[in-house]
């Protein structure tokens, strides 16, 4: 995985998944699949809803073992199956656990490469480098979980 942080306000990942593009796209747009890989280390997803169409909304809840929650939501701007997703990514503040609000835009493209998928991910515009870096950690954990899903027969059955 390649991570680029050129201007401090955007988070950019380039990563190859060992799965066909259709399956990777489905993993991003199907609530049951997203629930299995979204979230940072201490806050895995516990609830996800997806209406993956232009103008459709999504929402998610990340919950720690202690019961603390982080609420996420957004709106799909572009959905070009299985090539591209653009959506807003809004995180509500949870000051009691030190979580600052975030309002960003995510663009993800998927390119087929001999049965694998090259994913290019960009999340912007972060108001601080610290917020960007926190999201880098969370997405890195999430993408590792997604790799694990693709490595199992579970992903094949879901296709």
N, C-alpha and C. Protein backbone atom coordinates (compact mmCIF):
# COMPACT_ATOMS: atom_id res chain seq x y z
N UNK A 1 0.85 -1.18 0.00
CA UNK A 1 0.00 0.00 0.00
C UNK A 1 0.89 1.23 0.00
N UNK A 2 0.50 2.18 -0.80
CA UNK A 2 1.23 3.45 -0.87
C UNK A 2 0.34 4.55 -0.29
N UNK A 3 0.89 5.33 0.62
CA UNK A 3 0.17 6.45 1.23
C UNK A 3 0.91 7.72 0.87
N UNK A 4 0.15 8.71 0.38
CA UNK A 4 0.73 10.00 0.04
C UNK A 4 0.00 11.10 0.80
N UNK A 5 0.74 12.02 1.37
CA UNK A 5 0.16 13.16 2.07
C UNK A 5 0.91 14.40 1.62
N UNK A 6 0.69 14.82 0.40
CA UNK A 6 1.48 15.89 -0.19
C UNK A 6 1.20 17.26 0.41
N UNK A 7 -0.07 17.61 0.52
CA UNK A 7 -0.37 18.99 0.91
C UNK A 7 -0.88 19.12 2.34
N UNK A 8 -0.96 18.03 3.06
CA UNK A 8 -1.41 18.08 4.44
C UNK A 8 -2.90 18.11 4.62
N UNK A 9 -3.65 18.41 3.57
CA UNK A 9 -5.10 18.50 3.70
C UNK A 9 -5.82 17.31 3.08
N UNK A 10 -5.10 16.45 2.37
CA UNK A 10 -5.71 15.29 1.73
C UNK A 10 -5.00 14.02 2.17
N UNK A 11 -5.77 12.95 2.24
CA UNK A 11 -5.24 11.63 2.52
C UNK A 11 -5.39 10.82 1.25
N UNK A 12 -4.29 10.27 0.74
CA UNK A 12 -4.31 9.55 -0.53
C UNK A 12 -3.68 8.18 -0.33
N UNK A 13 -4.41 7.14 -0.70
CA UNK A 13 -3.92 5.76 -0.67
C UNK A 13 -3.97 5.18 -2.07
N UNK A 14 -3.00 4.36 -2.40
CA UNK A 14 -3.07 3.51 -3.58
C UNK A 14 -2.82 2.10 -3.07
N UNK A 15 -3.73 1.19 -3.36
CA UNK A 15 -3.62 -0.17 -2.81
C UNK A 15 -4.19 -1.17 -3.80
N UNK A 16 -3.57 -2.34 -3.87
CA UNK A 16 -4.07 -3.41 -4.72
C UNK A 16 -4.69 -4.49 -3.83
N UNK A 17 -5.91 -4.88 -4.18
CA UNK A 17 -6.61 -5.96 -3.46
C UNK A 17 -6.64 -7.20 -4.34
N UNK A 18 -6.48 -8.35 -3.73
CA UNK A 18 -6.49 -9.63 -4.45
C UNK A 18 -7.92 -10.10 -4.63
N UNK A 19 -8.68 -9.31 -5.39
CA UNK A 19 -10.08 -9.62 -5.67
C UNK A 19 -10.49 -8.87 -6.93
N UNK A 20 -11.45 -9.42 -7.68
CA UNK A 20 -11.91 -8.72 -8.88
C UNK A 20 -12.61 -7.40 -8.54
N UNK A 21 -12.57 -6.49 -9.48
CA UNK A 21 -13.12 -5.14 -9.28
C UNK A 21 -14.58 -5.17 -8.84
N UNK A 22 -15.41 -6.01 -9.43
CA UNK A 22 -16.83 -6.08 -9.04
C UNK A 22 -16.98 -6.38 -7.56
N UNK A 23 -16.17 -7.30 -7.07
CA UNK A 23 -16.25 -7.68 -5.66
C UNK A 23 -15.76 -6.55 -4.75
N UNK A 24 -14.69 -5.88 -5.13
CA UNK A 24 -14.19 -4.76 -4.32
C UNK A 24 -15.24 -3.65 -4.30
N UNK A 25 -15.83 -3.35 -5.44
CA UNK A 25 -16.87 -2.33 -5.49
C UNK A 25 -18.04 -2.72 -4.59
N UNK A 26 -18.45 -3.99 -4.66
CA UNK A 26 -19.54 -4.48 -3.82
C UNK A 26 -19.20 -4.34 -2.34
N UNK A 27 -17.93 -4.59 -1.98
CA UNK A 27 -17.50 -4.46 -0.59
C UNK A 27 -17.63 -3.02 -0.08
N UNK A 28 -17.57 -2.06 -0.99
CA UNK A 28 -17.71 -0.64 -0.64
C UNK A 28 -19.17 -0.18 -0.61
N UNK A 29 -20.07 -0.91 -1.25
CA UNK A 29 -21.43 -0.39 -1.44
C UNK A 29 -22.53 -1.27 -0.85
N UNK A 30 -22.17 -2.35 -0.19
CA UNK A 30 -23.14 -3.25 0.42
C UNK A 30 -22.97 -3.18 1.94
N UNK A 31 -24.02 -2.76 2.62
CA UNK A 31 -23.93 -2.52 4.07
C UNK A 31 -23.37 -3.72 4.83
N UNK A 32 -23.84 -4.93 4.52
CA UNK A 32 -23.38 -6.12 5.25
C UNK A 32 -21.89 -6.33 5.08
N UNK A 33 -21.36 -6.03 3.91
CA UNK A 33 -19.92 -6.18 3.70
C UNK A 33 -19.14 -5.05 4.35
N UNK A 34 -19.62 -3.81 4.21
CA UNK A 34 -18.93 -2.66 4.80
C UNK A 34 -18.81 -2.84 6.31
N UNK A 35 -19.84 -3.34 6.93
CA UNK A 35 -19.84 -3.53 8.39
C UNK A 35 -18.69 -4.44 8.83
N UNK A 36 -18.26 -5.34 7.97
CA UNK A 36 -17.20 -6.29 8.33
C UNK A 36 -15.79 -5.73 8.23
N UNK A 37 -15.64 -4.54 7.61
CA UNK A 37 -14.27 -4.04 7.47
C UNK A 37 -14.06 -2.58 7.87
N UNK A 38 -15.11 -1.78 7.97
CA UNK A 38 -14.92 -0.37 8.33
C UNK A 38 -14.60 -0.23 9.81
N UNK A 39 -13.89 0.84 10.12
CA UNK A 39 -13.61 1.20 11.50
C UNK A 39 -12.14 1.09 11.83
N UNK A 40 -11.75 1.83 12.85
CA UNK A 40 -10.36 1.77 13.29
C UNK A 40 -10.20 0.62 14.28
N UNK A 41 -8.98 0.41 14.75
CA UNK A 41 -8.68 -0.74 15.60
C UNK A 41 -9.59 -0.90 16.80
N UNK A 42 -9.80 0.16 17.56
CA UNK A 42 -10.59 0.06 18.78
C UNK A 42 -12.07 0.35 18.56
N UNK A 43 -12.43 0.76 17.35
CA UNK A 43 -13.81 1.14 17.04
C UNK A 43 -14.27 0.47 15.74
N UNK A 44 -14.53 -0.85 15.76
CA UNK A 44 -15.05 -1.48 14.54
C UNK A 44 -16.51 -1.07 14.29
N UNK A 45 -16.93 -1.21 13.06
CA UNK A 45 -18.32 -0.87 12.70
C UNK A 45 -19.28 -1.82 13.40
N UNK A 46 -20.36 -1.27 13.92
CA UNK A 46 -21.39 -2.10 14.55
C UNK A 46 -22.72 -1.98 13.82
N UNK A 47 -22.86 -0.93 13.03
CA UNK A 47 -24.11 -0.72 12.30
C UNK A 47 -23.79 0.11 11.07
N UNK A 48 -24.29 -0.33 9.90
CA UNK A 48 -24.05 0.38 8.64
C UNK A 48 -25.30 0.31 7.79
N UNK A 49 -25.64 1.42 7.16
CA UNK A 49 -26.71 1.48 6.16
C UNK A 49 -26.14 2.11 4.91
N UNK A 50 -26.48 1.58 3.73
CA UNK A 50 -25.96 2.08 2.45
C UNK A 50 -27.08 2.17 1.44
N UNK A 51 -27.19 3.30 0.79
CA UNK A 51 -28.07 3.48 -0.36
C UNK A 51 -27.17 4.01 -1.48
N UNK A 52 -26.41 3.10 -2.08
CA UNK A 52 -25.34 3.46 -3.01
C UNK A 52 -25.89 3.81 -4.39
N UNK A 53 -26.34 5.04 -4.48
CA UNK A 53 -26.81 5.63 -5.75
C UNK A 53 -26.60 7.12 -5.63
N UNK A 54 -26.46 7.82 -6.75
CA UNK A 54 -26.30 9.27 -6.66
C UNK A 54 -27.45 9.89 -5.85
N UNK A 55 -27.11 10.64 -4.84
CA UNK A 55 -28.10 11.24 -3.96
C UNK A 55 -28.49 10.35 -2.78
N UNK A 56 -28.08 9.09 -2.82
CA UNK A 56 -28.37 8.16 -1.72
C UNK A 56 -27.53 8.47 -0.51
N UNK A 57 -28.00 8.07 0.62
CA UNK A 57 -27.31 8.36 1.88
C UNK A 57 -26.70 7.08 2.45
N UNK A 58 -25.70 7.28 3.28
CA UNK A 58 -25.13 6.18 4.04
C UNK A 58 -24.94 6.66 5.47
N UNK A 59 -24.86 5.72 6.39
CA UNK A 59 -24.54 6.05 7.77
C UNK A 59 -23.91 4.84 8.42
N UNK A 60 -23.10 5.11 9.42
CA UNK A 60 -22.44 4.03 10.14
C UNK A 60 -22.20 4.43 11.58
N UNK A 61 -22.07 3.41 12.39
CA UNK A 61 -21.73 3.61 13.79
C UNK A 61 -20.54 2.71 14.10
N UNK A 62 -19.52 3.30 14.70
CA UNK A 62 -18.36 2.56 15.17
C UNK A 62 -18.46 2.49 16.69
N UNK A 63 -18.24 1.28 17.26
CA UNK A 63 -18.42 1.14 18.71
C UNK A 63 -17.22 0.42 19.31
N UNK A 64 -16.72 0.97 20.42
CA UNK A 64 -15.61 0.35 21.15
C UNK A 64 -16.16 -0.75 22.06
N UNK A 65 -15.26 -1.56 22.59
CA UNK A 65 -15.65 -2.59 23.55
C UNK A 65 -16.29 -1.98 24.79
N UNK A 66 -15.88 -0.74 25.11
CA UNK A 66 -16.43 -0.04 26.28
C UNK A 66 -17.81 0.56 26.02
N UNK A 67 -18.27 0.50 24.76
CA UNK A 67 -19.58 1.02 24.42
C UNK A 67 -19.58 2.44 23.89
N UNK A 68 -18.41 3.08 23.80
CA UNK A 68 -18.33 4.42 23.22
C UNK A 68 -18.62 4.33 21.72
N UNK A 69 -19.30 5.34 21.18
CA UNK A 69 -19.69 5.30 19.77
C UNK A 69 -19.21 6.52 19.01
N UNK A 70 -18.91 6.29 17.73
CA UNK A 70 -18.59 7.35 16.78
C UNK A 70 -19.60 7.23 15.65
N UNK A 71 -20.32 8.30 15.39
CA UNK A 71 -21.34 8.32 14.35
C UNK A 71 -20.78 8.91 13.06
N UNK A 72 -21.02 8.21 11.95
CA UNK A 72 -20.58 8.64 10.62
C UNK A 72 -21.79 8.71 9.70
N UNK A 73 -21.72 9.58 8.71
CA UNK A 73 -22.81 9.67 7.73
C UNK A 73 -22.30 10.37 6.48
N UNK A 74 -23.09 10.29 5.44
CA UNK A 74 -22.74 10.99 4.22
C UNK A 74 -23.74 10.76 3.12
N UNK A 75 -23.41 11.31 1.97
CA UNK A 75 -24.27 11.24 0.80
C UNK A 75 -23.42 10.85 -0.40
N UNK A 76 -23.95 9.94 -1.22
CA UNK A 76 -23.26 9.55 -2.45
C UNK A 76 -23.46 10.63 -3.51
N UNK A 77 -22.37 11.10 -4.07
CA UNK A 77 -22.41 12.10 -5.12
C UNK A 77 -22.33 11.44 -6.48
N UNK A 78 -21.39 10.50 -6.63
CA UNK A 78 -21.24 9.73 -7.87
C UNK A 78 -21.16 8.25 -7.53
N UNK A 79 -21.84 7.44 -8.31
CA UNK A 79 -21.73 5.99 -8.21
C UNK A 79 -21.67 5.47 -9.64
N UNK A 80 -20.47 5.10 -10.08
CA UNK A 80 -20.27 4.57 -11.42
C UNK A 80 -19.79 3.13 -11.24
N UNK A 81 -20.71 2.21 -11.30
CA UNK A 81 -20.44 0.79 -11.04
C UNK A 81 -19.64 0.20 -12.17
N UNK A 82 -18.56 -0.49 -11.90
CA UNK A 82 -17.80 -0.73 -10.69
C UNK A 82 -16.51 0.10 -10.66
N UNK A 83 -16.57 1.30 -11.21
CA UNK A 83 -15.36 2.09 -11.44
C UNK A 83 -15.05 3.17 -10.41
N UNK A 84 -16.10 3.82 -9.87
CA UNK A 84 -15.84 5.05 -9.12
C UNK A 84 -16.95 5.32 -8.11
N UNK A 85 -16.53 5.81 -6.94
CA UNK A 85 -17.44 6.29 -5.91
C UNK A 85 -16.96 7.65 -5.43
N UNK A 86 -17.89 8.56 -5.26
CA UNK A 86 -17.60 9.85 -4.62
C UNK A 86 -18.72 10.06 -3.61
N UNK A 87 -18.32 10.32 -2.36
CA UNK A 87 -19.32 10.53 -1.32
C UNK A 87 -18.78 11.47 -0.24
N UNK A 88 -19.70 12.10 0.47
CA UNK A 88 -19.30 12.91 1.61
C UNK A 88 -19.08 11.98 2.80
N UNK A 89 -18.19 12.41 3.68
CA UNK A 89 -17.85 11.63 4.87
C UNK A 89 -17.88 12.60 6.04
N UNK A 90 -18.91 12.47 6.87
CA UNK A 90 -19.10 13.37 8.01
C UNK A 90 -19.03 12.54 9.29
N UNK A 91 -18.17 12.99 10.20
CA UNK A 91 -18.07 12.34 11.50
C UNK A 91 -18.55 13.33 12.54
N UNK A 92 -19.51 12.90 13.36
CA UNK A 92 -20.01 13.76 14.42
C UNK A 92 -18.98 13.86 15.54
N UNK A 93 -18.98 15.00 16.20
CA UNK A 93 -18.11 15.19 17.36
C UNK A 93 -18.57 14.29 18.50
N UNK A 94 -17.61 13.78 19.23
CA UNK A 94 -17.88 13.03 20.46
C UNK A 94 -16.83 13.48 21.48
N UNK A 95 -17.01 14.70 22.01
CA UNK A 95 -15.97 15.28 22.88
C UNK A 95 -15.67 14.45 24.12
N UNK A 96 -16.64 13.69 24.58
CA UNK A 96 -16.42 12.87 25.78
C UNK A 96 -15.35 11.79 25.57
N UNK A 97 -15.07 11.47 24.30
CA UNK A 97 -14.01 10.48 24.01
C UNK A 97 -12.92 11.09 23.11
N UNK A 98 -12.92 12.42 23.00
CA UNK A 98 -11.87 13.11 22.26
C UNK A 98 -11.97 13.04 20.75
N UNK A 99 -13.18 12.89 20.24
CA UNK A 99 -13.38 12.79 18.78
C UNK A 99 -13.88 14.14 18.26
N UNK A 100 -13.11 14.70 17.32
CA UNK A 100 -13.47 15.97 16.70
C UNK A 100 -14.36 15.72 15.47
N UNK A 101 -15.19 16.70 15.11
CA UNK A 101 -16.00 16.54 13.92
C UNK A 101 -15.14 16.59 12.65
N UNK A 102 -15.61 15.90 11.63
CA UNK A 102 -14.93 15.89 10.33
C UNK A 102 -16.00 16.02 9.26
N UNK A 103 -15.72 16.82 8.24
CA UNK A 103 -16.61 16.95 7.09
C UNK A 103 -15.72 16.95 5.85
N UNK A 104 -15.67 15.80 5.17
CA UNK A 104 -14.76 15.63 4.05
C UNK A 104 -15.48 15.01 2.86
N UNK A 105 -14.73 14.85 1.80
CA UNK A 105 -15.23 14.20 0.58
C UNK A 105 -14.27 13.08 0.22
N UNK A 106 -14.81 11.92 -0.11
CA UNK A 106 -14.00 10.75 -0.46
C UNK A 106 -14.25 10.40 -1.93
N UNK A 107 -13.15 10.17 -2.65
CA UNK A 107 -13.22 9.71 -4.03
C UNK A 107 -12.42 8.41 -4.11
N UNK A 108 -13.07 7.36 -4.61
CA UNK A 108 -12.41 6.06 -4.73
C UNK A 108 -12.60 5.56 -6.16
N UNK A 109 -11.50 5.16 -6.79
CA UNK A 109 -11.58 4.57 -8.13
C UNK A 109 -11.04 3.15 -8.06
N UNK A 110 -11.60 2.30 -8.91
CA UNK A 110 -11.25 0.89 -8.95
C UNK A 110 -10.86 0.51 -10.37
N UNK A 111 -9.66 -0.05 -10.54
CA UNK A 111 -9.17 -0.45 -11.85
C UNK A 111 -8.84 -1.93 -11.82
N UNK A 112 -9.43 -2.68 -12.74
CA UNK A 112 -9.18 -4.12 -12.85
C UNK A 112 -7.76 -4.34 -13.35
N UNK A 113 -7.06 -5.28 -12.70
CA UNK A 113 -5.69 -5.61 -13.10
C UNK A 113 -5.48 -7.11 -12.99
N UNK A 114 -5.84 -7.82 -14.05
CA UNK A 114 -5.63 -9.28 -14.11
C UNK A 114 -6.22 -10.00 -12.90
N UNK A 115 -7.49 -9.76 -12.61
CA UNK A 115 -8.17 -10.42 -11.51
C UNK A 115 -7.99 -9.75 -10.16
N UNK A 116 -7.12 -8.77 -10.08
CA UNK A 116 -6.95 -7.98 -8.87
C UNK A 116 -7.53 -6.59 -9.12
N UNK A 117 -7.58 -5.78 -8.07
CA UNK A 117 -8.14 -4.43 -8.20
C UNK A 117 -7.19 -3.40 -7.61
N UNK A 118 -6.83 -2.43 -8.43
CA UNK A 118 -6.08 -1.28 -7.96
C UNK A 118 -7.09 -0.25 -7.47
N UNK A 119 -7.00 0.10 -6.19
CA UNK A 119 -7.88 1.10 -5.61
C UNK A 119 -7.07 2.37 -5.39
N UNK A 120 -7.62 3.49 -5.85
CA UNK A 120 -7.05 4.80 -5.56
C UNK A 120 -8.07 5.54 -4.71
N UNK A 121 -7.64 6.00 -3.55
CA UNK A 121 -8.52 6.57 -2.53
C UNK A 121 -8.02 7.97 -2.20
N UNK A 122 -8.94 8.92 -2.12
CA UNK A 122 -8.58 10.29 -1.73
C UNK A 122 -9.68 10.82 -0.82
N UNK A 123 -9.29 11.29 0.37
CA UNK A 123 -10.21 11.93 1.30
C UNK A 123 -9.70 13.33 1.57
N UNK A 124 -10.57 14.32 1.38
CA UNK A 124 -10.17 15.72 1.54
C UNK A 124 -11.37 16.57 1.92
N UNK A 125 -11.26 17.64 2.41
CA UNK A 125 -10.16 18.46 2.85
C UNK A 125 -10.20 18.42 4.37
N UNK A 126 -9.07 18.02 4.97
CA UNK A 126 -8.96 17.97 6.42
C UNK A 126 -8.54 19.35 6.93
N UNK A 127 -9.09 19.72 8.07
CA UNK A 127 -8.77 21.03 8.64
C UNK A 127 -7.45 21.03 9.41
N UNK A 128 -7.00 19.84 9.83
CA UNK A 128 -5.71 19.75 10.53
C UNK A 128 -4.97 18.49 10.08
N UNK A 129 -3.67 18.53 10.21
CA UNK A 129 -2.84 17.36 9.91
C UNK A 129 -3.15 16.23 10.88
N UNK A 130 -3.45 16.55 12.12
CA UNK A 130 -3.77 15.53 13.12
C UNK A 130 -5.02 14.75 12.71
N UNK A 131 -6.06 15.45 12.25
CA UNK A 131 -7.27 14.76 11.81
C UNK A 131 -6.96 13.85 10.63
N UNK A 132 -6.17 14.35 9.69
CA UNK A 132 -5.79 13.54 8.53
C UNK A 132 -5.05 12.29 8.98
N UNK A 133 -4.09 12.45 9.87
CA UNK A 133 -3.29 11.31 10.34
C UNK A 133 -4.14 10.30 11.09
N UNK A 134 -5.10 10.77 11.88
CA UNK A 134 -6.02 9.85 12.57
C UNK A 134 -6.82 9.02 11.57
N UNK A 135 -7.25 9.66 10.50
CA UNK A 135 -7.99 8.93 9.47
C UNK A 135 -7.08 7.97 8.71
N UNK A 136 -5.84 8.36 8.54
CA UNK A 136 -4.89 7.44 7.89
C UNK A 136 -4.79 6.14 8.70
N UNK A 137 -4.68 6.26 10.00
CA UNK A 137 -4.61 5.07 10.85
C UNK A 137 -5.88 4.24 10.73
N UNK A 138 -7.03 4.90 10.76
CA UNK A 138 -8.30 4.18 10.66
C UNK A 138 -8.48 3.46 9.34
N UNK A 139 -8.20 4.15 8.24
CA UNK A 139 -8.35 3.52 6.92
C UNK A 139 -7.33 2.40 6.72
N UNK A 140 -6.12 2.56 7.25
CA UNK A 140 -5.12 1.50 7.14
C UNK A 140 -5.63 0.22 7.81
N UNK A 141 -6.21 0.35 8.99
CA UNK A 141 -6.79 -0.79 9.69
C UNK A 141 -7.95 -1.37 8.89
N UNK A 142 -8.80 -0.51 8.37
CA UNK A 142 -9.95 -0.97 7.60
C UNK A 142 -9.52 -1.73 6.35
N UNK A 143 -8.55 -1.20 5.62
CA UNK A 143 -8.11 -1.86 4.40
C UNK A 143 -7.45 -3.20 4.69
N UNK A 144 -6.78 -3.32 5.85
CA UNK A 144 -6.20 -4.61 6.25
C UNK A 144 -7.32 -5.62 6.51
N UNK A 145 -8.40 -5.18 7.13
CA UNK A 145 -9.57 -6.06 7.33
C UNK A 145 -10.16 -6.49 6.00
N UNK A 146 -10.24 -5.55 5.07
CA UNK A 146 -10.78 -5.87 3.74
C UNK A 146 -9.89 -6.91 3.04
N UNK A 147 -8.59 -6.77 3.14
CA UNK A 147 -7.67 -7.78 2.61
C UNK A 147 -7.99 -9.15 3.18
N UNK A 148 -8.22 -9.20 4.49
CA UNK A 148 -8.53 -10.48 5.15
C UNK A 148 -9.83 -11.08 4.64
N UNK A 149 -10.82 -10.25 4.38
CA UNK A 149 -12.09 -10.75 3.84
C UNK A 149 -11.87 -11.37 2.47
N UNK A 150 -11.10 -10.70 1.63
CA UNK A 150 -10.85 -11.22 0.28
C UNK A 150 -10.02 -12.51 0.32
N UNK A 151 -9.29 -12.73 1.38
CA UNK A 151 -8.46 -13.93 1.50
C UNK A 151 -9.25 -15.15 1.94
N UNK A 152 -10.52 -14.96 2.27
CA UNK A 152 -11.34 -16.08 2.75
C UNK A 152 -12.37 -16.48 1.71
N UNK A 153 -12.95 -17.63 1.90
CA UNK A 153 -14.02 -18.09 1.01
C UNK A 153 -15.29 -17.26 1.20
N UNK A 154 -15.37 -16.55 2.33
CA UNK A 154 -16.53 -15.71 2.63
C UNK A 154 -16.76 -14.68 1.52
N UNK A 155 -15.68 -14.12 1.01
CA UNK A 155 -15.80 -13.11 -0.04
C UNK A 155 -16.30 -13.73 -1.33
N UNK A 156 -15.84 -14.91 -1.64
CA UNK A 156 -16.28 -15.59 -2.86
C UNK A 156 -17.77 -15.89 -2.78
N UNK A 157 -18.23 -16.33 -1.61
CA UNK A 157 -19.64 -16.64 -1.42
C UNK A 157 -20.51 -15.39 -1.52
N UNK A 158 -19.97 -14.24 -1.12
CA UNK A 158 -20.73 -12.98 -1.14
C UNK A 158 -20.86 -12.40 -2.55
N UNK A 159 -19.99 -12.83 -3.46
CA UNK A 159 -19.97 -12.26 -4.82
C UNK A 159 -21.19 -12.65 -5.62
